[in-house]
PDB file of N, CA and C in Angstrom:
ATOM      1  N   UNK A   1     -16.767 -15.485 -29.439  1.00  0.00           N
ATOM      2  CA  UNK A   1     -14.941 -15.750 -28.450  1.00  0.00           C
ATOM      3  C   UNK A   1     -14.837 -17.195 -28.108  1.00  0.00           C
ATOM      4  N   UNK A   2     -13.876 -18.710 -28.617  1.00  0.00           N
ATOM      5  CA  UNK A   2     -14.049 -19.452 -28.184  1.00  0.00           C
ATOM      6  C   UNK A   2     -13.521 -19.505 -27.065  1.00  0.00           C
ATOM      7  N   UNK A   3     -14.603 -20.553 -26.240  1.00  0.00           N
ATOM      8  CA  UNK A   3     -13.905 -20.938 -24.665  1.00  0.00           C
ATOM      9  C   UNK A   3     -12.908 -21.670 -24.805  1.00  0.00           C
ATOM     10  N   UNK A   4     -11.579 -21.133 -24.150  1.00  0.00           N
ATOM     11  CA  UNK A   4     -10.247 -22.558 -24.139  1.00  0.00           C
ATOM     12  C   UNK A   4     -11.051 -23.505 -22.764  1.00  0.00           C
ATOM     13  N   UNK A   5      -9.762 -24.939 -23.406  1.00  0.00           N
ATOM     14  CA  UNK A   5     -10.032 -25.978 -22.690  1.00  0.00           C
ATOM     15  C   UNK A   5      -9.384 -25.875 -21.655  1.00  0.00           C
ATOM     16  N   UNK A   6      -8.921 -25.495 -21.351  1.00  0.00           N
ATOM     17  CA  UNK A   6      -8.064 -25.880 -20.589  1.00  0.00           C
ATOM     18  C   UNK A   6      -7.585 -24.093 -19.613  1.00  0.00           C
ATOM     19  N   UNK A   7      -7.685 -23.946 -18.279  1.00  0.00           N
ATOM     20  CA  UNK A   7      -8.018 -22.602 -18.104  1.00  0.00           C
ATOM     21  C   UNK A   7      -6.266 -22.190 -17.393  1.00  0.00           C
ATOM     22  N   UNK A   8      -5.924 -23.574 -17.647  1.00  0.00           N
ATOM     23  CA  UNK A   8      -4.235 -23.735 -17.104  1.00  0.00           C
ATOM     24  C   UNK A   8      -3.478 -23.377 -18.597  1.00  0.00           C
ATOM     25  N   UNK A   9      -4.259 -23.272 -19.253  1.00  0.00           N
ATOM     26  CA  UNK A   9      -3.218 -22.942 -20.893  1.00  0.00           C
ATOM     27  C   UNK A   9      -3.041 -21.656 -21.284  1.00  0.00           C
ATOM     28  N   UNK A  10      -3.979 -20.653 -20.148  1.00  0.00           N
ATOM     29  CA  UNK A  10      -3.931 -19.508 -20.244  1.00  0.00           C
ATOM     30  C   UNK A  10      -2.254 -18.883 -19.835  1.00  0.00           C
ATOM     31  N   UNK A  11      -2.518 -17.519 -20.280  1.00  0.00           N
ATOM     32  CA  UNK A  11      -1.148 -16.207 -19.782  1.00  0.00           C
ATOM     33  C   UNK A  11      -1.687 -15.010 -19.296  1.00  0.00           C
ATOM     34  N   UNK A  12      -1.295 -15.012 -18.075  1.00  0.00           N
ATOM     35  CA  UNK A  12      -2.284 -14.017 -16.878  1.00  0.00           C
ATOM     36  C   UNK A  12      -0.584 -13.242 -16.999  1.00  0.00           C
ATOM     37  N   UNK A  13      -0.825 -11.676 -16.767  1.00  0.00           N
ATOM     38  CA  UNK A  13      -0.164 -11.053 -15.686  1.00  0.00           C
ATOM     39  C   UNK A  13      -0.327 -10.028 -15.869  1.00  0.00           C
ATOM     40  N   UNK A  14       0.637  -9.186 -14.092  1.00  0.00           N
ATOM     41  CA  UNK A  14       0.210  -7.859 -13.870  1.00  0.00           C
ATOM     42  C   UNK A  14       1.284  -6.903 -13.773  1.00  0.00           C
ATOM     43  N   UNK A  15       1.350  -5.967 -13.922  1.00  0.00           N
ATOM     44  CA  UNK A  15       2.770  -5.553 -14.082  1.00  0.00           C
ATOM     45  C   UNK A  15       1.795  -3.653 -13.757  1.00  0.00           C
ATOM     46  N   UNK A  16       3.530  -2.717 -13.370  1.00  0.00           N
ATOM     47  CA  UNK A  16       2.791  -1.307 -13.140  1.00  0.00           C
ATOM     48  C   UNK A  16       4.323  -1.203 -13.585  1.00  0.00           C
ATOM     49  N   UNK A  17       3.912   0.221 -14.414  1.00  0.00           N
ATOM     50  CA  UNK A  17       5.044   0.910 -14.878  1.00  0.00           C
ATOM     51  C   UNK A  17       5.280   2.693 -14.074  1.00  0.00           C
ATOM     52  N   UNK A  18       6.753   2.788 -14.050  1.00  0.00           N
ATOM     53  CA  UNK A  18       7.265   3.230 -12.929  1.00  0.00           C
ATOM     54  C   UNK A  18       8.455   4.187 -13.116  1.00  0.00           C
ATOM     55  N   UNK A  19       9.186   5.492 -13.665  1.00  0.00           N
ATOM     56  CA  UNK A  19       9.577   5.632 -13.389  1.00  0.00           C
ATOM     57  C   UNK A  19      10.919   5.978 -12.547  1.00  0.00           C
ATOM     58  N   UNK A  20      12.465   6.320 -12.840  1.00  0.00           N
ATOM     59  CA  UNK A  20      12.844   6.873 -11.651  1.00  0.00           C
ATOM     60  C   UNK A  20      12.605   7.587 -10.887  1.00  0.00           C
ATOM     61  N   UNK A  21      11.619   8.708 -10.970  1.00  0.00           N
ATOM     62  CA  UNK A  21      11.400   9.937 -10.789  1.00  0.00           C
ATOM     63  C   UNK A  21      10.774   8.924  -9.458  1.00  0.00           C
ATOM     64  N   UNK A  22       9.899   8.821 -10.089  1.00  0.00           N
ATOM     65  CA  UNK A  22       7.999   7.648  -8.838  1.00  0.00           C
ATOM     66  C   UNK A  22       9.175   6.942  -7.640  1.00  0.00           C
ATOM     67  N   UNK A  23       9.803   5.981  -8.408  1.00  0.00           N
ATOM     68  CA  UNK A  23      10.417   5.241  -7.319  1.00  0.00           C
ATOM     69  C   UNK A  23      11.146   6.119  -6.458  1.00  0.00           C
ATOM     70  N   UNK A  24      12.177   6.680  -6.187  1.00  0.00           N
ATOM     71  CA  UNK A  24      12.354   7.511  -5.857  1.00  0.00           C
ATOM     72  C   UNK A  24      11.412   8.557  -5.099  1.00  0.00           C
ATOM     73  N   UNK A  25      10.542   8.429  -5.536  1.00  0.00           N
ATOM     74  CA  UNK A  25       9.681  10.015  -4.972  1.00  0.00           C
ATOM     75  C   UNK A  25       9.219   9.410  -3.434  1.00  0.00           C
ATOM     76  N   UNK A  26       8.635  10.485  -2.360  1.00  0.00           N
ATOM     77  CA  UNK A  26       8.162  10.466  -0.764  1.00  0.00           C
ATOM     78  C   UNK A  26       7.003   9.777  -1.739  1.00  0.00           C
ATOM     79  N   UNK A  27       6.581   9.552  -2.635  1.00  0.00           N
ATOM     80  CA  UNK A  27       5.160   8.646  -3.096  1.00  0.00           C
ATOM     81  C   UNK A  27       5.015   6.877  -2.990  1.00  0.00           C
ATOM     82  N   UNK A  28       6.327   6.544  -3.479  1.00  0.00           N
ATOM     83  CA  UNK A  28       6.705   5.372  -3.976  1.00  0.00           C
ATOM     84  C   UNK A  28       5.271   4.063  -3.206  1.00  0.00           C
ATOM     85  N   UNK A  29       6.040   4.578  -1.982  1.00  0.00           N
ATOM     86  CA  UNK A  29       5.714   2.922  -1.090  1.00  0.00           C
ATOM     87  C   UNK A  29       4.145   3.100  -1.037  1.00  0.00           C
ATOM     88  N   UNK A  30       3.200   4.132  -1.106  1.00  0.00           N
ATOM     89  CA  UNK A  30       1.253   4.358  -1.004  1.00  0.00           C
ATOM     90  C   UNK A  30       1.584   4.032  -1.902  1.00  0.00           C
ATOM     91  N   UNK A  31       1.971   4.815  -3.768  1.00  0.00           N
ATOM     92  CA  UNK A  31       1.582   4.551  -4.982  1.00  0.00           C
ATOM     93  C   UNK A  31       1.389   2.699  -5.184  1.00  0.00           C
ATOM     94  N   UNK A  32       2.535   1.921  -4.684  1.00  0.00           N
ATOM     95  CA  UNK A  32       2.962   1.219  -4.657  1.00  0.00           C
ATOM     96  C   UNK A  32       2.414   0.011  -4.279  1.00  0.00           C
ATOM     97  N   UNK A  33       1.607   0.310  -3.176  1.00  0.00           N
ATOM     98  CA  UNK A  33       1.555  -0.835  -2.159  1.00  0.00           C
ATOM     99  C   UNK A  33       0.007  -0.625  -2.331  1.00  0.00           C
ATOM    100  N   UNK A  34      -0.681   0.612  -2.801  1.00  0.00           N
ATOM    101  CA  UNK A  34      -1.968   1.289  -3.997  1.00  0.00           C
ATOM    102  C   UNK A  34      -2.090   0.279  -5.509  1.00  0.00           C
ATOM    103  N   UNK A  35      -0.772  -1.001  -6.086  1.00  0.00           N
ATOM    104  CA  UNK A  35      -0.681  -1.040  -7.133  1.00  0.00           C
ATOM    105  C   UNK A  35      -0.988  -2.520  -7.237  1.00  0.00           C
ATOM    106  N   UNK A  36      -0.176  -2.890  -6.069  1.00  0.00           N
ATOM    107  CA  UNK A  36      -0.598  -3.905  -5.256  1.00  0.00           C
ATOM    108  C   UNK A  36      -1.504  -4.658  -5.210  1.00  0.00           C
ATOM    109  N   UNK A  37      -2.929  -4.184  -3.810  1.00  0.00           N
ATOM    110  CA  UNK A  37      -4.270  -4.834  -4.141  1.00  0.00           C
ATOM    111  C   UNK A  37      -4.140  -4.201  -5.056  1.00  0.00           C
ATOM    112  N   UNK A  38      -4.490  -3.225  -6.288  1.00  0.00           N
ATOM    113  CA  UNK A  38      -5.170  -3.687  -7.687  1.00  0.00           C
ATOM    114  C   UNK A  38      -5.271  -4.788  -7.796  1.00  0.00           C
ATOM    115  N   UNK A  39      -3.224  -6.034  -8.040  1.00  0.00           N
ATOM    116  CA  UNK A  39      -3.167  -6.502  -8.113  1.00  0.00           C
ATOM    117  C   UNK A  39      -3.958  -7.834  -7.310  1.00  0.00           C
ATOM    118  N   UNK A  40      -3.766  -7.825  -6.655  1.00  0.00           N
ATOM    119  CA  UNK A  40      -4.247  -9.000  -5.188  1.00  0.00           C
ATOM    120  C   UNK A  40      -5.540  -9.641  -6.056  1.00  0.00           C
ATOM    121  N   UNK A  41      -6.473  -9.855  -6.469  1.00  0.00           N
ATOM    122  CA  UNK A  41      -7.519 -10.534  -6.719  1.00  0.00           C
ATOM    123  C   UNK A  41      -6.998 -11.258  -8.044  1.00  0.00           C
ATOM    124  N   UNK A  42      -6.210 -10.906  -8.981  1.00  0.00           N
ATOM    125  CA  UNK A  42      -5.543 -11.938  -9.768  1.00  0.00           C
ATOM    126  C   UNK A  42      -4.722 -12.639  -9.127  1.00  0.00           C
ATOM    127  N   UNK A  43      -3.608 -12.466  -9.080  1.00  0.00           N
ATOM    128  CA  UNK A  43      -2.739 -12.781  -7.788  1.00  0.00           C
ATOM    129  C   UNK A  43      -3.447 -14.447  -6.880  1.00  0.00           C
ATOM    130  N   UNK A  44      -4.364 -13.663  -6.422  1.00  0.00           N
ATOM    131  CA  UNK A  44      -5.071 -15.101  -4.980  1.00  0.00           C
ATOM    132  C   UNK A  44      -6.190 -16.023  -7.056  1.00  0.00           C
ATOM    133  N   UNK A  45      -6.439 -15.572  -7.448  1.00  0.00           N
ATOM    134  CA  UNK A  45      -7.440 -16.761  -8.335  1.00  0.00           C
ATOM    135  C   UNK A  45      -6.236 -17.595  -8.848  1.00  0.00           C
ATOM    136  N   UNK A  46      -5.051 -16.764  -9.081  1.00  0.00           N
ATOM    137  CA  UNK A  46      -3.431 -17.836 -10.095  1.00  0.00           C
ATOM    138  C   UNK A  46      -3.263 -18.968  -8.732  1.00  0.00           C
ATOM    139  N   UNK A  47      -2.903 -17.451  -7.750  1.00  0.00           N
ATOM    140  CA  UNK A  47      -2.814 -19.197  -6.022  1.00  0.00           C
ATOM    141  C   UNK A  47      -4.410 -20.030  -6.180  1.00  0.00           C
ATOM    142  N   UNK A  48      -5.368 -19.906  -6.080  1.00  0.00           N
ATOM    143  CA  UNK A  48      -6.659 -20.840  -6.157  1.00  0.00           C
ATOM    144  C   UNK A  48      -6.331 -21.631  -6.725  1.00  0.00           C
ATOM    145  N   UNK A  49      -6.280 -21.325  -7.679  1.00  0.00           N
ATOM    146  CA  UNK A  49      -6.236 -22.009  -9.965  1.00  0.00           C
ATOM    147  C   UNK A  49      -4.894 -23.200  -9.508  1.00  0.00           C
ATOM    148  N   UNK A  50      -3.914 -22.521  -8.758  1.00  0.00           N
ATOM    149  CA  UNK A  50      -3.155 -23.586  -9.399  1.00  0.00           C
ATOM    150  C   UNK A  50      -3.193 -24.743  -7.151  1.00  0.00           C
ATOM    151  N   UNK A  51      -3.356 -24.674  -6.732  1.00  0.00           N
ATOM    152  CA  UNK A  51      -3.633 -24.803  -5.331  1.00  0.00           C
ATOM    153  C   UNK A  51      -4.731 -26.254  -5.891  1.00  0.00           C
ATOM    154  N   UNK A  52      -5.997 -25.399  -6.514  1.00  0.00           N
ATOM    155  CA  UNK A  52      -6.865 -26.468  -7.327  1.00  0.00           C
ATOM    156  C   UNK A  52      -8.165 -27.100  -5.648  1.00  0.00           C
ATOM    157  N   UNK A  53      -9.094 -27.795  -6.261  1.00  0.00           N
ATOM    158  CA  UNK A  53      -9.989 -27.769  -5.131  1.00  0.00           C
ATOM    159  C   UNK A  53     -10.189 -29.327  -5.409  1.00  0.00           C
ATOM    160  N   UNK A  54     -11.010 -30.449  -5.050  1.00  0.00           N
ATOM    161  CA  UNK A  54     -11.489 -31.836  -5.167  1.00  0.00           C
ATOM    162  C   UNK A  54     -12.362 -31.833  -6.497  1.00  0.00           C
ATOM    163  N   UNK A  55     -12.618 -31.215  -6.368  1.00  0.00           N
ATOM    164  CA  UNK A  55     -13.870 -30.056  -8.139  1.00  0.00           C
ATOM    165  C   UNK A  55     -12.768 -30.529  -9.119  1.00  0.00           C
ATOM    166  N   UNK A  56     -11.230 -29.519  -8.702  1.00  0.00           N
ATOM    167  CA  UNK A  56     -10.754 -28.827  -9.956  1.00  0.00           C
ATOM    168  C   UNK A  56      -9.985 -30.231 -10.466  1.00  0.00           C
ATOM    169  N   UNK A  57      -9.475 -31.321  -9.225  1.00  0.00           N
ATOM    170  CA  UNK A  57      -8.571 -32.139  -9.258  1.00  0.00           C
ATOM    171  C   UNK A  57      -9.324 -33.734 -10.246  1.00  0.00           C
ATOM    172  N   UNK A  58     -10.886 -33.890  -9.781  1.00  0.00           N
ATOM    173  CA  UNK A  58     -10.653 -34.246 -10.915  1.00  0.00           C
ATOM    174  C   UNK A  58     -11.078 -34.176 -12.516  1.00  0.00           C
ATOM    175  N   UNK A  59     -11.942 -32.459 -11.957  1.00  0.00           N
ATOM    176  CA  UNK A  59     -11.446 -31.644 -13.865  1.00  0.00           C
ATOM    177  C   UNK A  59     -10.045 -32.049 -14.432  1.00  0.00           C
ATOM    178  N   UNK A  60      -9.127 -32.193 -13.678  1.00  0.00           N
ATOM    179  CA  UNK A  60      -8.090 -32.084 -14.285  1.00  0.00           C
ATOM    180  C   UNK A  60      -7.545 -33.204 -14.589  1.00  0.00           C
ATOM    181  N   UNK A  61      -7.883 -34.555 -13.635  1.00  0.00           N
ATOM    182  CA  UNK A  61      -8.265 -35.996 -14.499  1.00  0.00           C
ATOM    183  C   UNK A  61      -9.024 -36.521 -16.127  1.00  0.00           C
ATOM    184  N   UNK A  62     -10.343 -34.894 -16.529  1.00  0.00           N
ATOM    185  CA  UNK A  62     -10.657 -35.282 -16.966  1.00  0.00           C
ATOM    186  C   UNK A  62     -10.311 -34.892 -18.676  1.00  0.00           C
ATOM    187  N   UNK A  63      -9.753 -33.684 -18.552  1.00  0.00           N
ATOM    188  CA  UNK A  63      -8.113 -33.305 -19.264  1.00  0.00           C
ATOM    189  C   UNK A  63      -7.483 -34.489 -19.905  1.00  0.00           C
ATOM    190  N   UNK A  64      -6.766 -34.350 -18.861  1.00  0.00           N
ATOM    191  CA  UNK A  64      -5.902 -35.448 -18.986  1.00  0.00           C
ATOM    192  C   UNK A  64      -6.403 -36.964 -19.502  1.00  0.00           C
ATOM    193  N   UNK A  65      -7.416 -37.315 -19.179  1.00  0.00           N
ATOM    194  CA  UNK A  65      -7.403 -38.288 -19.822  1.00  0.00           C
ATOM    195  C   UNK A  65      -8.454 -38.233 -21.036  1.00  0.00           C
ATOM    196  N   UNK A  66      -8.450 -36.794 -22.327  1.00  0.00           N
ATOM    197  CA  UNK A  66      -9.017 -36.667 -23.134  1.00  0.00           C
ATOM    198  C   UNK A  66      -7.500 -35.609 -23.978  1.00  0.00           C
ATOM    199  N   UNK A  67      -6.752 -36.163 -22.974  1.00  0.00           N
ATOM    200  CA  UNK A  67      -5.674 -36.171 -23.800  1.00  0.00           C
ATOM    201  C   UNK A  67      -4.697 -34.815 -24.016  1.00  0.00           C
ATOM    202  N   UNK A  68      -5.871 -33.133 -23.108  1.00  0.00           N
ATOM    203  CA  UNK A  68      -4.622 -32.369 -22.858  1.00  0.00           C
ATOM    204  C   UNK A  68      -3.794 -32.013 -21.211  1.00  0.00           C
ATOM    205  N   UNK A  69      -2.691 -31.011 -22.251  1.00  0.00           N
ATOM    206  CA  UNK A  69      -1.477 -31.559 -20.685  1.00  0.00           C
ATOM    207  C   UNK A  69      -1.808 -31.013 -19.768  1.00  0.00           C
ATOM    208  N   UNK A  70      -1.187 -30.900 -17.976  1.00  0.00           N
ATOM    209  CA  UNK A  70      -1.943 -30.314 -17.359  1.00  0.00           C
ATOM    210  C   UNK A  70      -0.634 -29.467 -17.246  1.00  0.00           C
ATOM    211  N   UNK A  71      -1.527 -28.127 -16.402  1.00  0.00           N
ATOM    212  CA  UNK A  71       0.385 -26.588 -16.216  1.00  0.00           C
ATOM    213  C   UNK A  71       0.886 -27.462 -15.301  1.00  0.00           C
ATOM    214  N   UNK A  72       0.647 -28.264 -14.588  1.00  0.00           N
ATOM    215  CA  UNK A  72       2.022 -29.295 -13.437  1.00  0.00           C
ATOM    216  C   UNK A  72       2.598 -29.775 -14.185  1.00  0.00           C
ATOM    217  N   UNK A  73       2.410 -30.690 -15.206  1.00  0.00           N
ATOM    218  CA  UNK A  73       3.262 -30.924 -16.325  1.00  0.00           C
ATOM    219  C   UNK A  73       4.220 -30.204 -16.714  1.00  0.00           C
ATOM    220  N   UNK A  74       3.214 -29.030 -17.644  1.00  0.00           N
ATOM    221  CA  UNK A  74       4.427 -28.038 -18.347  1.00  0.00           C
ATOM    222  C   UNK A  74       5.561 -27.149 -17.635  1.00  0.00           C
ATOM    223  N   UNK A  75       4.397 -27.210 -16.498  1.00  0.00           N
ATOM    224  CA  UNK A  75       5.666 -26.529 -15.078  1.00  0.00           C
ATOM    225  C   UNK A  75       6.946 -27.351 -15.086  1.00  0.00           C
ATOM    226  N   UNK A  76       6.818 -28.854 -14.412  1.00  0.00           N
ATOM    227  CA  UNK A  76       7.282 -29.195 -14.328  1.00  0.00           C
ATOM    228  C   UNK A  76       8.905 -29.470 -15.240  1.00  0.00           C
ATOM    229  N   UNK A  77       8.172 -29.336 -16.809  1.00  0.00           N
ATOM    230  CA  UNK A  77       9.481 -29.190 -18.012  1.00  0.00           C
ATOM    231  C   UNK A  77       9.847 -28.061 -17.757  1.00  0.00           C
ATOM    232  N   UNK A  78       9.341 -26.677 -17.530  1.00  0.00           N
ATOM    233  CA  UNK A  78       9.981 -25.997 -17.610  1.00  0.00           C
ATOM    234  C   UNK A  78      11.971 -25.690 -16.544  1.00  0.00           C
ATOM    235  N   UNK A  79      11.034 -26.310 -15.374  1.00  0.00           N
ATOM    236  CA  UNK A  79      12.048 -26.203 -14.081  1.00  0.00           C
ATOM    237  C   UNK A  79      12.391 -27.266 -14.841  1.00  0.00           C
ATOM    238  N   UNK A  80      12.960 -29.113 -15.040  1.00  0.00           N
ATOM    239  CA  UNK A  80      13.555 -29.477 -16.024  1.00  0.00           C
ATOM    240  C   UNK A  80      14.829 -28.829 -16.323  1.00  0.00           C
ATOM    241  N   UNK A  81      14.332 -27.362 -17.258  1.00  0.00           N
ATOM    242  CA  UNK A  81      14.537 -27.287 -18.716  1.00  0.00           C
ATOM    243  C   UNK A  81      15.599 -25.880 -18.514  1.00  0.00           C
ATOM    244  N   UNK A  82      14.806 -25.109 -17.287  1.00  0.00           N
ATOM    245  CA  UNK A  82      15.484 -24.229 -16.528  1.00  0.00           C
ATOM    246  C   UNK A  82      15.970 -24.326 -15.477  1.00  0.00           C
ATOM    247  N   UNK A  83      17.966 -25.036 -15.290  1.00  0.00           N
ATOM    248  CA  UNK A  83      18.003 -25.136 -14.591  1.00  0.00           C
ATOM    249  C   UNK A  83      19.022 -23.878 -14.099  1.00  0.00           C
ATOM    250  N   UNK A  84      20.014 -23.649 -13.017  1.00  0.00           N
ATOM    251  CA  UNK A  84      21.299 -22.538 -12.890  1.00  0.00           C
ATOM    252  C   UNK A  84      21.768 -22.515 -14.099  1.00  0.00           C
ATOM    253  N   UNK A  85      22.285 -23.950 -14.894  1.00  0.00           N
ATOM    254  CA  UNK A  85      23.059 -23.382 -15.834  1.00  0.00           C
ATOM    255  C   UNK A  85      22.255 -22.946 -17.077  1.00  0.00           C
ATOM    256  N   UNK A  86      21.593 -23.285 -17.100  1.00  0.00           N
ATOM    257  CA  UNK A  86      21.248 -22.383 -17.791  1.00  0.00           C
ATOM    258  C   UNK A  86      20.846 -21.520 -18.286  1.00  0.00           C
ATOM    259  N   UNK A  87      19.869 -20.878 -17.059  1.00  0.00           N
ATOM    260  CA  UNK A  87      19.800 -19.543 -17.167  1.00  0.00           C
ATOM    261  C   UNK A  87      20.963 -18.310 -16.986  1.00  0.00           C
ATOM    262  N   UNK A  88      21.665 -19.150 -16.534  1.00  0.00           N
ATOM    263  CA  UNK A  88      23.322 -18.957 -16.415  1.00  0.00           C
ATOM    264  C   UNK A  88      24.079 -18.514 -18.140  1.00  0.00           C
ATOM    265  N   UNK A  89      23.272 -19.511 -18.662  1.00  0.00           N
ATOM    266  CA  UNK A  89      23.514 -18.687 -20.305  1.00  0.00           C
ATOM    267  C   UNK A  89      23.197 -17.821 -21.311  1.00  0.00           C
TER     268      UNK A  89
END
Protein backbone atom coordinates (compact mmCIF):
# COMPACT_ATOMS: atom_id res chain seq x y z
CA UNK A 1 0.00 0.00 0.00
CA UNK A 2 1.29 3.44 -0.91
CA UNK A 3 0.85 6.40 1.42
CA UNK A 4 -1.30 9.19 0.06
CA UNK A 5 0.61 12.43 -0.57
CA UNK A 6 -2.06 14.40 1.26
CA UNK A 7 -4.91 13.45 3.53
CA UNK A 8 -7.07 16.01 1.78
CA UNK A 9 -6.96 13.95 -1.41
CA UNK A 10 -8.74 11.00 0.18
CA UNK A 11 -12.45 10.46 -0.28
CA UNK A 12 -14.41 9.28 2.71
CA UNK A 13 -18.05 8.74 3.37
CA UNK A 14 -20.52 6.77 5.37
CA UNK A 15 -24.18 5.91 5.02
CA UNK A 16 -26.89 3.59 6.19
CA UNK A 17 -29.26 1.74 3.89
CA UNK A 18 -32.87 1.75 5.04
CA UNK A 19 -35.94 0.51 3.23
CA UNK A 20 -39.39 2.05 3.47
CA UNK A 21 -40.54 -0.40 6.12
CA UNK A 22 -37.57 0.45 8.33
CA UNK A 23 -38.05 4.18 7.87
CA UNK A 24 -41.72 3.98 8.82
CA UNK A 25 -41.18 1.44 11.59
CA UNK A 26 -41.43 2.05 15.31
CA UNK A 27 -37.71 1.38 15.79
CA UNK A 28 -36.57 3.93 13.20
CA UNK A 29 -35.35 6.65 15.57
CA UNK A 30 -33.54 4.15 17.79
CA UNK A 31 -31.88 2.39 14.85
CA UNK A 32 -31.00 5.65 13.10
CA UNK A 33 -29.50 7.13 16.28
CA UNK A 34 -27.42 3.97 16.77
CA UNK A 35 -26.17 4.21 13.17
CA UNK A 36 -25.25 7.88 13.70
CA UNK A 37 -23.27 6.97 16.81
CA UNK A 38 -21.31 4.44 14.74
CA UNK A 39 -20.58 7.16 12.16
CA UNK A 40 -19.50 9.79 14.69
CA UNK A 41 -15.78 8.83 14.74
CA UNK A 42 -15.52 9.50 11.00
CA UNK A 43 -17.46 12.76 11.31
CA UNK A 44 -15.19 13.89 14.17
CA UNK A 45 -12.06 12.91 12.25
CA UNK A 46 -13.20 14.77 9.13
CA UNK A 47 -14.19 17.85 11.12
CA UNK A 48 -10.84 17.97 12.89
CA UNK A 49 -9.04 17.51 9.57
CA UNK A 50 -10.90 20.44 8.03
CA UNK A 51 -10.42 22.74 11.04
CA UNK A 52 -6.74 21.91 11.29
CA UNK A 53 -4.13 22.56 13.96
CA UNK A 54 -1.03 24.71 14.04
CA UNK A 55 0.95 21.62 13.06
CA UNK A 56 -1.38 20.76 10.19
CA UNK A 57 -1.39 24.34 8.94
CA UNK A 58 2.41 24.25 8.80
CA UNK A 59 2.24 20.93 6.99
CA UNK A 60 -0.25 22.42 4.52
CA UNK A 61 2.22 25.22 3.79
CA UNK A 62 4.93 22.66 3.06
CA UNK A 63 2.57 20.70 0.80
CA UNK A 64 1.71 23.89 -1.08
CA UNK A 65 5.43 24.62 -1.56
CA UNK A 66 5.81 21.15 -3.06
CA UNK A 67 2.99 21.80 -5.53
CA UNK A 68 0.16 19.84 -3.93
CA UNK A 69 -3.30 21.40 -4.03
CA UNK A 70 -4.94 21.90 -0.65
CA UNK A 71 -8.46 20.70 0.13
CA UNK A 72 -9.59 24.25 0.82
CA UNK A 73 -8.57 25.35 -2.67
CA UNK A 74 -10.47 22.48 -4.27
CA UNK A 75 -13.47 23.29 -2.10
CA UNK A 76 -13.41 26.94 -3.14
CA UNK A 77 -13.27 25.92 -6.81
CA UNK A 78 -16.22 23.56 -6.24
CA UNK A 79 -18.20 26.36 -4.56
CA UNK A 80 -17.48 28.73 -7.43
CA UNK A 81 -18.56 26.19 -10.04
CA UNK A 82 -21.57 24.80 -8.16
CA UNK A 83 -23.73 27.85 -7.77
CA UNK A 84 -27.51 27.64 -7.62
CA UNK A 85 -27.85 28.00 -11.40
CA UNK A 86 -25.47 25.07 -11.97
CA UNK A 87 -27.25 22.86 -9.42
CA UNK A 88 -30.66 23.51 -11.00
CA UNK A 89 -29.47 22.78 -14.57
